[in-house]
Protein backbone atom coordinates (compact mmCIF):
# COMPACT_ATOMS: atom_id res chain seq x y z
CA ASP A 1 0.02 0.23 -0.15
CA ALA A 2 2.64 2.40 0.92
CA ALA A 3 4.60 2.01 -2.35
CA CYS A 4 1.26 2.60 -4.24
CA GLN A 5 0.35 5.81 -2.33
CA ASP A 6 3.97 7.47 -2.66
CA GLY A 7 5.58 5.63 -5.52
CA ALA A 8 8.72 5.25 -3.69
CA GLU A 9 10.53 1.72 -3.19
CA HIS A 10 9.87 0.13 0.15
CA THR A 11 12.08 -2.42 1.63
CA VAL A 12 10.93 -4.55 4.76
CA GLU A 13 12.55 -6.88 6.87
CA LEU A 14 11.35 -10.42 6.59
CA SER A 15 11.26 -11.97 10.10
CA SER A 16 9.04 -14.85 11.78
CA LYS A 17 9.65 -16.13 15.43
CA GLY A 18 12.80 -14.01 15.75
CA VAL A 19 14.18 -15.64 12.54
CA SER A 20 15.48 -13.24 9.66
CA PHE A 21 14.75 -14.33 6.14
CA GLY A 22 16.45 -11.54 4.55
CA MET A 23 14.55 -8.54 2.75
CA LEU A 24 11.68 -7.84 0.49
CA SER A 25 11.37 -4.67 -1.85
CA VAL A 26 8.34 -3.44 -3.35
CA SER A 27 8.22 -0.53 -6.16
CA ARG A 28 5.46 0.92 -8.00
CA LEU A 29 5.23 0.33 -11.66
CA SER A 30 1.94 2.17 -12.53
CA SER A 31 -0.66 4.18 -10.52
CA ASN A 32 -4.08 3.95 -12.05
CA PRO A 33 -4.67 1.06 -11.32
CA CYS A 34 -1.74 0.39 -9.01
CA GLU A 35 0.71 -2.47 -9.88
CA VAL A 36 4.10 -3.11 -8.25
CA ALA A 37 7.03 -5.11 -8.87
CA ILE A 38 8.25 -7.55 -5.83
CA ASP A 39 11.84 -8.02 -5.57
CA THR A 40 12.85 -11.08 -3.89
CA GLY A 41 16.46 -10.89 -4.62
CA GLN A 42 17.39 -10.26 -0.98
CA VAL A 43 15.04 -13.21 0.57
CA ALA A 44 17.19 -15.59 2.27
CA GLY A 45 16.51 -19.18 3.40
CA VAL A 46 13.12 -19.59 2.14
CA ASP A 47 11.53 -19.92 -1.39
CA ALA A 48 10.15 -16.60 -2.91
CA ASP A 49 6.66 -17.23 -2.16
CA LEU A 50 7.83 -16.81 1.63
CA VAL A 51 6.24 -20.17 2.66
CA ILE A 52 8.05 -21.81 5.48
CA LYS A 53 8.45 -25.38 4.47
CA PRO A 54 9.68 -27.60 7.55
CA LEU A 55 9.82 -30.94 5.99
CA GLN A 56 12.48 -32.79 3.68
CA TRP A 57 16.32 -32.13 3.86
CA LYS A 58 16.12 -29.33 1.57
CA GLY A 59 12.86 -27.82 2.96
CA SER A 60 10.78 -28.82 0.04
CA ASP A 61 7.55 -29.87 1.65
CA ALA A 62 5.07 -27.55 3.72
CA PHE A 63 3.03 -29.99 5.20
CA ILE A 64 2.79 -33.48 6.43
CA ARG A 65 0.23 -35.14 4.14
CA LYS A 66 2.25 -34.06 1.16
CA PHE A 67 5.44 -35.76 2.66
CA ASN A 68 3.71 -38.80 3.59
CA ARG A 69 2.12 -39.05 0.10
CA GLU A 70 5.62 -38.77 -1.39
CA ALA A 71 7.23 -41.23 1.17
CA SER A 72 4.50 -44.04 0.73
CA HIS A 73 5.15 -43.87 -2.99
CA ASN A 74 8.76 -43.51 -3.25
CA GLU A 75 9.92 -45.53 -0.04
CA LEU A 76 7.30 -48.01 0.59
CA GLY A 77 5.97 -48.40 -2.90
CA LEU A 78 2.37 -47.47 -1.94
CA GLN A 79 0.61 -45.43 -4.18
CA ALA A 80 -2.35 -43.08 -2.80
CA VAL A 81 -5.16 -42.71 -4.76
CA GLU A 82 -4.99 -38.90 -4.24
CA LEU A 83 -1.35 -39.16 -6.06
CA VAL A 84 -2.39 -41.33 -8.99
CA GLY A 85 -6.10 -41.33 -9.16
CA TYR A 86 -8.88 -44.24 -8.55
CA GLY A 87 -8.24 -47.37 -10.28
CA VAL A 88 -4.91 -46.51 -11.52
CA ASP A 89 -1.98 -49.01 -11.12
CA GLY A 90 0.88 -46.54 -11.81
CA ASP A 91 3.44 -48.77 -10.36
CA GLY A 92 2.48 -51.84 -12.45
CA ASP A 93 2.41 -54.12 -9.59
CA GLY A 94 -1.27 -55.18 -10.50
CA ILE A 95 -2.74 -53.43 -7.40
CA VAL A 96 -4.90 -50.37 -7.50
CA ASP A 97 -6.21 -47.87 -4.96
CA GLU A 98 -3.20 -49.01 -2.58
CA MET A 99 -3.77 -46.26 -0.03
CA THR A 100 -7.22 -44.32 0.42
CA VAL A 101 -7.67 -40.96 1.25
CA GLY A 102 -8.84 -41.98 4.62
CA ASP A 103 -5.43 -43.79 4.95
CA GLN A 104 -3.64 -40.77 4.36
CA THR A 105 -5.65 -38.60 6.83
CA ALA A 106 -5.10 -41.32 9.54
CA LEU A 107 -1.35 -41.35 8.78
CA MET A 108 -1.00 -37.86 9.01
CA ILE A 109 -2.88 -37.40 12.35
CA TYR A 110 -0.76 -40.56 13.83
CA LEU A 111 2.54 -39.03 12.94
CA ALA A 112 1.31 -35.62 14.07
CA ALA A 113 0.29 -37.05 17.50
CA GLN A 114 3.56 -38.68 18.17
CA PRO A 115 4.79 -37.72 21.53
CA ARG A 116 7.45 -34.93 21.80
CA PRO A 117 11.14 -35.41 22.00
CA VAL A 118 12.44 -34.80 25.64
CA SER A 119 15.62 -34.54 27.62
CA THR A 120 17.42 -36.71 29.90
CA LEU A 121 17.09 -34.08 32.58
CA GLU A 122 13.16 -34.27 32.22
CA LEU A 123 13.26 -38.19 32.39
CA ASP A 124 15.50 -37.92 35.37
CA ASN A 125 13.21 -35.74 37.14
CA LEU A 126 10.37 -37.83 36.50
CA GLY A 127 12.30 -40.99 37.75
CA LEU A 128 11.76 -42.61 34.28
CA ILE A 129 15.59 -43.46 33.87
CA PRO A 130 18.35 -44.69 36.24
CA SER A 131 19.16 -41.37 38.32
CA LEU A 132 21.79 -39.15 36.68
CA THR A 133 24.48 -38.01 39.09
CA GLN A 134 24.97 -34.55 39.87
CA PRO A 135 28.22 -34.14 37.80
CA GLU A 136 26.19 -35.35 34.79
CA ARG A 137 23.44 -33.03 35.33
CA GLN A 138 25.90 -30.21 35.66
CA GLN A 139 28.08 -31.24 32.66
CA ILE A 140 24.55 -31.16 30.65
CA ARG A 141 23.67 -27.76 31.81
CA ASP A 142 27.33 -26.59 31.07
CA GLY A 143 27.09 -27.80 27.68
CA GLU A 144 23.77 -26.16 26.99
CA GLU A 145 25.49 -22.83 27.95
CA ILE A 146 28.44 -23.52 25.50
CA PHE A 147 25.91 -24.51 22.71
CA GLU A 148 24.57 -21.11 23.08
CA ARG A 149 28.10 -19.50 23.38
CA THR A 150 29.76 -21.05 20.41
CA GLY A 151 26.90 -19.73 18.00
CA CYS A 152 25.26 -23.29 17.55
CA ALA A 153 21.98 -21.69 18.66
CA ALA A 154 21.98 -18.93 16.19
CA CYS A 155 20.64 -21.63 13.61
CA HIS A 156 19.71 -24.51 15.90
CA VAL A 157 17.18 -22.28 17.65
CA PRO A 158 16.18 -23.92 20.92
CA VAL A 159 12.53 -22.88 21.11
CA LEU A 160 9.93 -21.85 18.45
CA THR A 161 6.32 -20.93 19.54
CA VAL A 162 3.20 -21.91 17.95
CA ASN A 163 0.41 -19.53 18.62
CA ASP A 164 -2.39 -21.82 18.19
CA PRO A 165 -1.61 -25.13 19.60
CA VAL A 166 -4.64 -26.69 18.00
CA LEU A 167 -3.54 -28.90 14.79
CA TYR A 168 -6.22 -28.93 12.00
CA GLU A 169 -6.17 -31.81 9.22
CA PRO A 170 -6.71 -30.20 6.56
CA SER A 171 -5.04 -26.76 7.75
CA ARG A 172 -6.85 -23.68 7.90
CA ASN A 173 -3.97 -22.11 6.09
CA ILE A 174 -4.25 -22.21 2.48
CA ASN A 175 -0.55 -22.59 2.42
CA TYR A 176 -0.51 -25.73 4.24
CA ARG A 177 -3.13 -28.10 2.35
CA ASP A 178 -3.98 -29.41 -0.98
CA GLU A 179 -6.32 -27.13 -3.05
CA LEU A 180 -6.27 -30.00 -5.53
CA PHE A 181 -4.78 -33.34 -5.03
CA PRO A 182 -2.15 -34.41 -7.44
CA GLY A 183 -4.47 -37.00 -9.04
CA GLY A 184 -6.80 -34.26 -9.90
CA GLN A 185 -9.53 -34.89 -7.24
CA ASP A 186 -10.99 -32.02 -5.14
CA PRO A 187 -10.10 -32.62 -1.53
CA ARG A 188 -13.33 -31.34 -0.30
CA ALA A 189 -15.21 -33.83 -2.51
CA GLU A 190 -13.14 -36.39 -0.87
CA GLY A 191 -14.01 -35.50 2.74
CA VAL A 192 -10.81 -33.52 3.17
CA ASP A 193 -12.51 -30.15 3.95
CA PRO A 194 -11.00 -27.48 6.19
CA SER A 195 -14.80 -26.77 7.22
CA PHE A 196 -14.89 -30.26 8.89
CA ALA A 197 -11.12 -30.69 9.85
CA VAL A 198 -9.76 -33.39 12.20
CA SER A 199 -8.27 -31.66 15.20
CA PHE A 200 -6.36 -32.01 18.35
CA ASP A 201 -4.55 -29.89 20.76
CA LEU A 202 -0.97 -30.23 20.59
CA THR A 203 -0.39 -29.22 24.16
CA ARG A 204 -3.02 -31.52 25.81
CA ASP A 205 -4.18 -34.48 23.41
CA GLN A 206 -1.34 -36.86 22.53
CA PRO A 207 -2.26 -40.27 23.75
CA ASP A 208 1.34 -41.51 24.40
CA ASN A 209 3.66 -40.63 27.49
CA ILE A 210 0.97 -40.01 29.90
CA ILE A 211 3.21 -40.51 33.05
CA SER A 212 2.35 -41.18 36.79
CA SER A 213 5.32 -39.28 38.08
CA ARG A 214 6.48 -38.96 41.68
CA GLY A 215 3.66 -38.21 43.94
CA ASN A 216 1.20 -39.81 41.71
CA ARG A 217 0.74 -36.72 39.71
CA THR A 218 -0.30 -37.59 36.11
CA ARG A 219 1.64 -35.63 33.58
CA ARG A 220 1.33 -35.62 29.74
CA LEU A 221 4.94 -35.91 28.91
CA GLY A 222 4.00 -36.51 25.12
CA SER A 223 2.29 -33.21 24.78
CA PHE A 224 4.01 -29.82 24.07
CA GLU A 225 4.64 -27.44 26.86
CA ARG A 226 2.31 -24.33 27.09
CA ASP A 227 3.28 -20.84 27.88
CA ARG A 228 1.11 -18.27 29.89
CA GLN A 229 -0.05 -16.86 26.47
CA GLY A 230 -1.41 -20.34 25.40
CA ARG A 231 1.23 -20.72 23.01
CA ALA A 232 2.84 -24.28 22.45
CA LEU A 233 6.59 -24.25 23.16
CA ILE A 234 8.38 -26.26 20.43
CA ARG A 235 11.94 -27.16 21.64
CA LEU A 236 13.11 -27.92 18.27
CA TYR A 237 16.63 -26.58 17.90
CA SER A 238 16.14 -25.35 14.41
CA ASP A 239 15.31 -22.05 12.63
CA LEU A 240 13.57 -23.88 9.74
CA LYS A 241 15.58 -21.87 7.35
CA ARG A 242 17.92 -22.98 4.58
CA HIS A 243 21.58 -22.39 4.80
CA ASP A 244 24.51 -22.93 2.71
CA MET A 245 26.75 -25.71 4.63
CA GLY A 246 29.67 -25.60 2.14
CA ALA A 247 31.06 -27.56 -0.46
CA ALA A 248 31.96 -30.77 1.59
CA LEU A 249 28.39 -31.07 2.20
CA ALA A 250 27.12 -30.42 -1.38
CA GLU A 251 25.26 -33.18 -3.46
CA ASN A 252 26.26 -34.03 -6.85
CA ILE A 253 22.96 -32.33 -8.03
CA ASP A 254 21.05 -29.29 -7.07
CA GLU A 255 17.74 -31.27 -6.39
CA ILE A 256 15.31 -28.23 -5.95
CA GLY A 257 17.21 -25.38 -7.24
CA THR A 258 18.38 -23.78 -3.86
CA GLY A 259 21.77 -24.82 -4.14
CA ALA A 260 23.52 -28.33 -3.92
CA ALA A 261 25.08 -27.43 -0.65
CA THR A 262 22.00 -25.71 0.80
CA TRP A 263 20.15 -27.65 3.65
CA LEU A 264 17.48 -26.76 5.89
CA THR A 265 18.63 -26.51 9.62
CA LYS A 266 18.38 -30.09 11.02
CA PRO A 267 16.14 -30.08 14.12
CA LEU A 268 18.23 -31.37 17.04
CA TRP A 269 15.29 -32.52 19.38
CA GLY A 270 15.90 -36.24 19.73
CA VAL A 271 19.47 -36.03 18.30
CA GLY A 272 20.76 -38.24 21.14
CA SER A 273 18.63 -41.11 19.85
CA THR A 274 18.97 -40.59 16.09
CA ALA A 275 22.48 -41.56 14.93
CA PRO A 276 24.06 -41.71 12.16
CA TYR A 277 23.92 -37.89 11.40
CA LEU A 278 23.78 -35.84 8.22
CA HIS A 279 21.66 -36.05 5.12
CA ASP A 280 23.67 -39.09 3.78
CA GLY A 281 24.49 -40.78 7.16
CA ARG A 282 28.18 -40.28 6.70
CA ALA A 283 28.80 -39.09 10.22
CA THR A 284 28.51 -41.75 12.90
CA THR A 285 29.18 -39.43 15.87
CA LEU A 286 28.07 -35.99 16.71
CA THR A 287 31.45 -34.95 16.69
CA GLY A 288 31.71 -35.98 13.20
CA ALA A 289 28.67 -34.03 12.13
CA ILE A 290 29.80 -30.89 13.93
CA LEU A 291 33.14 -31.07 12.07
CA ALA A 292 31.49 -31.35 8.81
CA HIS A 293 29.80 -28.02 8.95
CA GLY A 294 31.14 -25.39 6.64
CA GLY A 295 29.73 -22.46 4.75
CA GLU A 296 27.46 -20.32 7.07
CA ALA A 297 28.32 -22.67 9.87
CA ALA A 298 32.17 -22.39 9.59
CA THR A 299 32.52 -19.99 12.30
CA ALA A 300 30.41 -22.17 14.84
CA GLN A 301 32.51 -25.34 13.68
CA GLN A 302 35.77 -23.34 14.38
CA ALA A 303 34.43 -22.22 17.77
CA PHE A 304 33.72 -25.93 18.69
CA GLN A 305 37.24 -27.03 17.66
CA ASP A 306 38.68 -24.14 19.77
CA LEU A 307 37.07 -25.45 23.09
CA ALA A 308 38.94 -27.04 25.57
CA SER A 309 38.23 -30.69 25.57
CA ALA A 310 36.16 -30.73 28.74
CA GLU A 311 33.95 -28.05 27.02
CA GLN A 312 33.59 -30.22 24.03
CA GLN A 313 32.63 -33.25 26.14
CA ALA A 314 30.02 -30.85 27.81
CA LEU A 315 28.58 -29.71 24.60
CA LEU A 316 28.33 -33.37 23.25
CA ALA A 317 26.75 -34.45 26.64
CA PHE A 318 23.83 -31.61 26.28
CA LEU A 319 23.34 -33.00 22.75
CA GLU A 320 22.99 -36.49 23.67
CA SER A 321 20.75 -35.44 26.38
CA LEU A 322 18.05 -34.60 23.77
CA VAL A 323 16.45 -37.91 23.13
CA LEU A 324 13.20 -39.84 22.12
CA PHE A 325 11.14 -41.50 24.47
CA LYS A 326 7.78 -43.47 24.21
CA GLN A 327 5.65 -45.14 26.73
CA GLU A 328 2.40 -46.33 25.27
């Protein structure tokens, strides 16, 4: 509106949840009617459509249903009807309608409702693991401080917030749902209608990890924490932004046109349970993964190398404390 009114070029900083995604410039081309040119040349770490895409190594998928549909086909050999259409044997195995629309909805809800990753400090406080010693607890706390000090947290942002903790399938946000399935069907006609969405509260409704802790107090450990404003606290350790990680981590091809060495910041929640590391599993240890960082992460990688041995071990202890836990 400002560009239309005064004819000047206007540049704004793009920031979400405290993460900067560069700058966007708008200039007026004509005044009656007003037409503008949008310059995305200074946009960083996100596509020109400005939609945060948190899934896939390159940050190419915006929502879980799309990710599941692709994984079902590419990794499991199961073609969803919403991908290829009804009665179509797209993979030539003699079977049609391998995954229904309902199957994909159920799979999305199941995965979205998995219990959140936790820390061994949480599990220790609840008596769910063998007790940590005081030196072990202190080492983890020291490691968290070193994680911040060395610059790791600049990209592996410890906590992001979700203003509305209720998840809807399909999403109420048009950028995070299908307007048309790849197979050509109208999702609404197939029962995937935002007016009648399946929903649950990320901070209250997960069915797993309902724990009776010390004092017989029931705690929903599987649900995300909620702050005083009612927002969900997501201890993701990611900025959900793409970064150039240097030539050593470049692929042979530039798969989605964002740069062969460009990757979405890998969330570190659960990292203590998910070796091996990096997109191709080349790093068998956390140390190896850290040392492979280059490009925009080169400064943080050097800061790790410059640490005293005890500080490095504390940082690794902190990362190893970020674990997966499931009690059904």
